[in-house]
Protein backbone atom coordinates (compact mmCIF):
# COMPACT_ATOMS: atom_id res chain seq x y z
CA MET A 1 0.27 0.07 -0.26
CA THR A 2 1.12 3.67 -0.95
CA HIS A 3 1.06 6.53 1.76
CA ALA A 4 -1.87 7.51 1.24
CA GLU A 5 -3.44 4.52 1.34
CA LEU A 6 -2.21 3.51 4.29
CA LYS A 7 -3.23 6.82 6.21
CA SER A 8 -6.64 6.48 4.77
CA LEU A 9 -6.95 3.17 6.23
CA ALA A 10 -5.20 3.98 9.63
CA ARG A 11 -7.99 6.29 9.92
CA GLY A 12 -10.50 3.88 9.12
CA PHE A 13 -9.94 1.02 11.38
CA ILE A 14 -9.50 4.42 14.42
CA PRO A 15 -12.92 5.67 15.55
CA GLY A 16 -12.08 9.84 16.13
CA ALA A 17 -8.59 9.57 14.13
CA LYS A 18 -10.12 12.75 12.21
CA ALA A 19 -7.42 14.86 10.29
CA GLN A 20 -8.29 17.53 12.84
CA ILE A 21 -7.06 16.03 15.63
CA ILE A 22 -4.26 13.39 13.92
CA THR A 23 -2.82 15.89 11.42
CA GLU A 24 -1.18 14.26 8.29
CA PRO A 25 2.18 14.91 9.46
CA VAL A 26 1.83 13.21 12.90
CA LEU A 27 0.01 10.16 11.28
CA THR A 28 2.75 10.77 8.88
CA LEU A 29 5.24 9.94 11.38
CA ILE A 30 3.67 7.58 13.49
CA LEU A 31 3.18 5.56 10.21
CA ASN A 32 7.21 5.93 9.50
CA GLN A 33 8.16 4.94 13.10
CA GLY A 34 6.28 1.31 12.79
CA ILE A 35 7.92 1.22 9.52
CA LYS A 36 11.60 1.69 11.64
CA ASN A 37 10.31 -0.54 14.14
CA ILE A 38 9.52 -3.51 11.61
CA ALA A 39 12.54 -3.09 10.11
CA ALA A 40 14.81 -2.97 12.94
CA TYR A 41 12.92 -6.09 14.67
CA THR A 42 13.03 -8.38 11.18
CA ALA A 43 16.28 -7.21 9.52
CA CYS A 44 13.93 -7.46 6.29
CA LEU A 45 16.04 -4.68 4.82
CA LYS A 46 19.43 -6.78 3.81
CA ALA A 47 22.38 -4.81 3.35
CA ASN A 48 26.65 -5.55 3.60
CA LYS A 49 29.27 -3.24 3.08
CA LYS A 50 32.54 -2.89 3.12
CA PHE A 51 34.87 -0.41 4.42
CA THR A 52 38.52 0.60 5.64
CA ILE A 53 39.74 -1.05 8.60
CA THR A 54 42.97 1.19 10.09
CA ALA A 55 45.63 0.29 11.85
CA ASN A 56 45.68 1.15 15.65
CA GLN A 57 41.89 1.69 15.28
CA ALA A 58 39.69 0.29 17.67
CA GLU A 59 36.36 2.18 16.89
CA TYR A 60 34.61 2.69 14.00
CA ALA A 61 30.97 5.32 14.05
CA LEU A 62 28.58 3.11 12.19
CA SER A 63 26.92 6.44 10.85
CA THR A 64 30.22 7.64 9.40
CA VAL A 65 31.52 4.30 7.90
CA ILE A 66 28.06 2.66 6.96
CA GLY A 67 25.60 5.18 6.53
CA ASP A 68 22.35 3.55 7.02
CA TYR A 69 23.26 0.97 9.41
CA LEU A 70 20.25 -0.32 11.80
CA VAL A 71 20.98 -3.47 13.13
CA THR A 72 23.08 -5.87 12.46
CA ASP A 73 22.35 -9.27 10.56
CA LYS A 74 23.07 -12.67 11.31
CA SER A 75 25.92 -13.25 9.16
CA GLY A 76 27.96 -10.12 11.66
CA LEU A 77 30.91 -8.96 10.42
CA TRP A 78 34.40 -10.11 8.83
CA TRP A 79 37.77 -8.88 8.17
CA PHE A 80 40.27 -9.76 5.22
CA GLY A 81 43.67 -10.87 6.65
CA THR A 82 44.96 -13.33 3.87
CA GLN A 83 41.29 -14.96 3.45
CA TRP A 84 37.71 -13.44 4.90
CA LYS A 85 37.37 -14.25 8.40
CA LYS A 86 34.21 -14.22 10.40
CA LEU A 87 35.07 -12.07 13.80
CA ASN A 88 33.59 -13.53 17.08
CA PRO A 89 30.59 -11.07 18.63
CA ARG A 90 30.20 -10.17 22.04
CA THR A 91 28.94 -7.50 24.61
CA LEU A 92 30.68 -4.98 26.44
CA ALA A 93 30.11 -6.54 29.67
CA TRP A 94 31.12 -10.47 27.99
CA LEU A 95 34.54 -9.38 27.41
CA ASP A 96 35.01 -7.58 30.70
CA GLU A 97 34.01 -10.23 32.39
CA ASN A 98 35.95 -13.09 30.06
CA ARG A 99 38.74 -11.08 28.71
CA PRO A 100 39.13 -8.52 30.99
CA ASN A 101 42.34 -7.59 29.42
CA TRP A 102 40.79 -6.87 26.29
CA ARG A 103 41.95 -2.91 26.67
CA ASP A 104 45.62 -3.69 26.86
CA LEU A 105 46.00 -6.12 24.11
CA ASP A 106 48.26 -5.02 21.56
CA ALA A 107 46.96 -4.39 17.74
CA GLY A 108 47.00 -7.54 16.03
CA ASP A 109 44.59 -10.01 14.06
CA PRO A 110 41.14 -8.49 15.67
CA GLN A 111 39.57 -11.47 16.69
CA GLU A 112 36.01 -10.45 18.49
CA TYR A 113 33.78 -7.48 18.23
CA PHE A 114 31.27 -5.19 20.30
CA ILE A 115 28.12 -2.51 19.41
CA ASP A 116 27.63 -0.34 21.49
CA SER A 117 25.01 2.71 20.62
CA ASP A 118 26.93 3.65 17.30
CA ILE A 119 30.62 2.32 17.86
CA LEU A 120 31.98 -1.07 16.52
CA THR A 121 34.52 -2.32 18.59
CA LEU A 122 37.60 -4.66 17.08
CA VAL A 123 39.33 -6.67 19.84
CA PRO A 124 42.05 -6.69 19.47
CA ALA A 125 42.88 -3.14 17.53
CA PRO A 126 44.19 -4.07 14.21
CA ASP A 127 47.92 -3.92 13.63
CA THR A 128 47.26 -3.05 9.62
CA THR A 129 45.22 -0.70 7.36
CA LEU A 130 43.63 -2.03 4.35
CA ALA A 131 40.71 -0.44 2.16
CA ASP A 132 37.42 -2.40 1.92
CA GLY A 133 38.91 -5.12 4.95
CA LEU A 134 35.64 -4.74 6.82
CA TRP A 135 32.99 -6.35 5.70
CA LEU A 136 29.07 -5.85 7.71
CA TYR A 137 26.28 -7.56 7.03
CA TYR A 138 23.15 -5.77 8.31
CA GLY A 139 19.32 -4.53 8.17
CA LYS A 140 19.33 -0.93 7.08
CA ALA A 141 16.70 1.76 7.88
CA PRO A 142 14.03 2.32 5.70
CA VAL A 143 13.52 5.44 3.82
CA PRO A 144 10.68 7.55 5.02
CA MET A 145 7.19 8.42 3.59
CA ALA A 146 7.16 11.91 2.42
CA GLU A 147 5.34 11.65 -0.76
CA GLU A 148 1.80 10.41 -0.85
CA THR A 149 2.58 7.92 -3.40
CA ASP A 150 5.57 6.61 -1.26
CA TYR A 151 5.75 2.98 -0.07
CA PRO A 152 6.61 1.72 3.11
CA PHE A 153 10.26 0.98 3.43
CA SER A 154 11.44 2.03 0.12
CA GLY A 155 10.31 5.75 0.75
CA ASP A 156 9.58 6.46 -3.14
CA SER A 157 7.43 5.26 -6.03
CA THR A 158 9.21 1.84 -5.85
CA GLU A 159 6.98 -1.03 -4.18
CA LEU A 160 9.23 -3.38 -1.75
CA THR A 161 6.69 -5.97 -2.80
CA HIS A 162 7.84 -8.77 -0.67
CA LEU A 163 7.88 -6.35 2.54
CA SER A 164 3.51 -5.88 1.60
CA ILE A 165 3.31 -8.69 3.74
CA PHE A 166 3.73 -6.62 6.70
CA ASP A 167 1.33 -4.23 5.92
CA ASP A 168 -1.10 -4.71 8.22
CA ALA A 169 1.49 -4.37 11.12
CA ILE A 170 1.77 -1.22 10.56
CA LEU A 171 -1.67 -0.18 10.55
CA GLU A 172 -1.62 -2.10 14.07
CA TYR A 173 1.02 0.22 14.62
CA ALA A 174 -0.42 3.14 14.06
CA GLU A 175 -3.44 2.19 16.02
CA TRP A 176 -1.34 1.81 19.44
CA ARG A 177 0.07 4.84 19.08
CA VAL A 178 -2.95 7.11 18.04
CA ASN A 179 -5.35 5.67 20.56
CA PRO A 180 -3.50 7.39 23.60
CA ILE A 181 -3.63 10.72 21.66
CA LEU A 182 -7.15 10.34 21.41
CA ASN A 183 -7.56 8.92 25.44
CA LYS A 184 -8.48 5.81 24.46
CA ASP A 185 -8.34 3.12 27.15
CA GLN A 186 -5.48 0.68 26.37
CA THR A 187 -6.43 -1.84 28.82
CA GLU A 188 -3.35 -4.37 29.43
CA ASP A 189 -1.40 -2.94 26.31
CA ILE A 190 -4.41 -4.99 24.28
CA THR A 191 -2.81 -2.56 20.99
CA GLU A 192 0.31 -2.91 21.52
CA GLY A 193 0.28 -7.05 21.82
CA GLN A 194 -1.81 -6.60 18.44
CA PHE A 195 0.63 -4.91 16.22
CA LYS A 196 3.53 -7.32 18.10
CA ARG A 197 1.64 -10.17 16.95
CA ALA A 198 1.13 -9.21 13.43
CA ARG A 199 4.52 -8.62 12.99
CA GLU A 200 5.21 -11.66 13.92
CA GLU A 201 2.89 -13.58 11.88
CA ALA A 202 4.28 -11.13 8.78
CA PHE A 203 7.65 -12.40 10.05
CA THR A 204 7.11 -15.86 10.27
CA ILE A 205 6.50 -15.91 6.70
CA PHE A 206 9.22 -13.21 5.40
CA LYS A 207 11.58 -15.76 6.78
CA LYS A 208 10.16 -18.99 5.20
CA ARG A 209 12.06 -20.61 1.99
CA ARG A 210 10.08 -22.91 -0.02
CA ASP A 211 13.01 -23.89 -2.36
CA ILE A 212 15.30 -24.59 0.94
CA GLY A 213 12.54 -26.76 2.68
CA SER A 214 11.93 -28.66 -0.60
CA ASP A 215 15.83 -28.76 -1.45
CA LYS A 216 17.24 -32.24 -0.25
CA GLU A 217 21.05 -30.98 0.54
CA ALA A 218 20.30 -27.60 1.51
CA ARG A 219 17.03 -27.79 4.32
CA LEU A 220 18.80 -28.55 7.81
CA GLN A 221 18.23 -32.43 8.72
CA GLY A 222 18.25 -34.37 11.96
CA PRO A 223 21.76 -35.86 13.00
CA ARG A 224 22.60 -39.16 11.09
CA VAL A 225 22.81 -42.89 13.17
CA ARG A 226 25.74 -44.60 12.39
CA ARG A 227 25.25 -48.46 12.08
């Protein structure tokens, strides 16, 4: 659905959501926030990017080296030594508990990384500089809708049809956020729950790979019993 269609349905689904109460800019802002929530939860806007690894530099601002970064995807971060190697994802708390000397390590081949807010930190810091030496797999931020003909996620007149399954979840998000503005009681967070269920149902469909499921070699199989 386009931006205009989403706004029209949102007003139809939410009694009292008249334009003089829920203005066009406010409704657009709410819809775009719902789309960003879904993109962050699902990493549905798959992307990957290489960027420079710099000798003795452990920290990298993702907003600078990536730009449209929103969340890390399952494949995570890789670095190039003599070949591409996947780095181990950690948290700051994990490193402090299990590698308490990590801040004192000499520069060398990175083994681990953690992301704290906007900052990606390599452990240890690299001892060489290499253009395109880091490769991050991530979910990118959606482009906000502005024009009436814009579509969710793309933010322009190009519809990402495989993401149209999230339209109902976007509308549920709008209801959840609009109701408090209308002073409607949200007993036991019913509308929040409805949004999360709609998001999860669409996400389940999004993740389903019928081609993998039908391929004998690619699909997951149980352990083989040796005789």
